[in-house]
Protein backbone atom coordinates (compact mmCIF):
# COMPACT_ATOMS: atom_id res chain seq x y z
CA UNK A 1 -126.59 3.42 123.64
CA UNK A 2 -127.63 5.43 120.59
CA UNK A 3 -127.32 3.13 117.62
CA UNK A 4 -128.60 1.94 114.25
CA UNK A 5 -129.46 -1.60 113.25
CA UNK A 6 -126.86 -1.84 110.46
CA UNK A 7 -123.89 -0.28 112.29
CA UNK A 8 -121.01 -2.77 112.78
CA UNK A 9 -119.46 -0.63 115.54
CA UNK A 10 -122.77 -0.70 117.41
CA UNK A 11 -122.74 -4.50 117.28
CA UNK A 12 -119.13 -4.59 118.48
CA UNK A 13 -119.96 -2.29 121.37
CA UNK A 14 -122.88 -4.52 122.34
CA UNK A 15 -120.68 -7.61 122.15
CA UNK A 16 -118.00 -6.02 124.32
CA UNK A 17 -120.53 -4.90 126.93
CA UNK A 18 -122.18 -8.33 126.97
CA UNK A 19 -118.77 -9.98 127.39
CA UNK A 20 -118.37 -7.83 130.50
CA UNK A 21 -121.65 -9.13 131.92
CA UNK A 22 -123.89 -6.22 130.97
CA UNK A 23 -127.37 -7.64 130.46
CA UNK A 24 -129.58 -4.59 130.06
CA UNK A 25 -128.43 -2.29 127.29
CA UNK A 26 -130.82 0.52 126.46
CA UNK A 27 -130.89 0.62 122.66
CA UNK A 28 -131.98 3.96 121.24
CA UNK A 29 -132.45 3.35 117.52
CA UNK A 30 -131.82 6.63 115.72
CA UNK A 31 -132.61 4.93 112.40
CA UNK A 32 -136.17 4.27 113.62
CA UNK A 33 -136.55 7.50 115.60
CA UNK A 34 -134.76 10.27 113.67
CA UNK A 35 -135.64 12.87 116.31
CA UNK A 36 -133.48 10.92 118.76
CA UNK A 37 -130.41 11.59 116.56
CA UNK A 38 -130.78 15.30 117.29
CA UNK A 39 -131.06 14.48 120.99
CA UNK A 40 -127.91 12.35 120.72
CA UNK A 41 -125.98 15.14 119.00
CA UNK A 42 -127.02 17.67 121.62
CA UNK A 43 -126.04 15.38 124.51
CA UNK A 44 -122.77 14.07 123.04
CA UNK A 45 -121.63 16.77 120.62
CA UNK A 46 -121.09 13.98 118.09
CA UNK A 47 -122.93 12.83 114.97
CA UNK A 48 -121.81 9.21 114.71
CA UNK A 49 -123.14 6.02 116.26
CA UNK A 50 -122.78 4.37 118.58
CA UNK A 51 -122.78 6.91 121.36
CA UNK A 52 -122.48 5.12 124.66
CA UNK A 53 -123.26 6.17 128.21
CA UNK A 54 -122.54 4.11 131.27
CA UNK A 55 -124.77 5.58 133.91
CA UNK A 56 -124.34 9.32 133.55
CA UNK A 57 -120.85 9.04 132.03
CA UNK A 58 -120.56 9.64 128.28
CA UNK A 59 -118.01 7.12 127.05
CA UNK A 60 -118.16 8.07 123.36
CA UNK A 61 -118.13 5.57 120.52
CA UNK A 62 -116.94 2.00 120.17
CA UNK A 63 -113.27 2.99 119.83
CA UNK A 64 -113.52 4.92 123.10
CA UNK A 65 -115.21 1.96 124.81
CA UNK A 66 -112.55 -0.46 123.56
CA UNK A 67 -109.77 1.92 124.65
CA UNK A 68 -111.23 2.01 128.17
CA UNK A 69 -111.24 -1.78 128.19
CA UNK A 70 -107.63 -2.01 126.97
CA UNK A 71 -106.58 0.49 129.65
CA UNK A 72 -108.26 -1.64 132.32
CA UNK A 73 -110.76 1.10 133.21
CA UNK A 74 -113.99 -0.31 131.78
CA UNK A 75 -114.68 -2.84 134.55
CA UNK A 76 -114.49 -0.16 137.25
CA UNK A 77 -116.81 2.11 135.28
CA UNK A 78 -119.32 -0.71 134.83
CA UNK A 79 -119.13 -1.53 138.53
CA UNK A 80 -120.30 2.01 139.26
């Protein structure tokens, strides 16, 4: 997950993933490594954080993650 320390949506995404049993979340801090923001934008086509991948699947941001959960699709994606 591409994120910043101060981003409330990043924290919400982490909380949602942890509530689903995800223990290992790769945190790529674009506030500490500005060059990683460019990488994030190239991979996702988006400028905002968080940008979340589950495996090789680009989920998008927190709203996208929460929408998957509401639609009942997040658990299957996490199961691989």
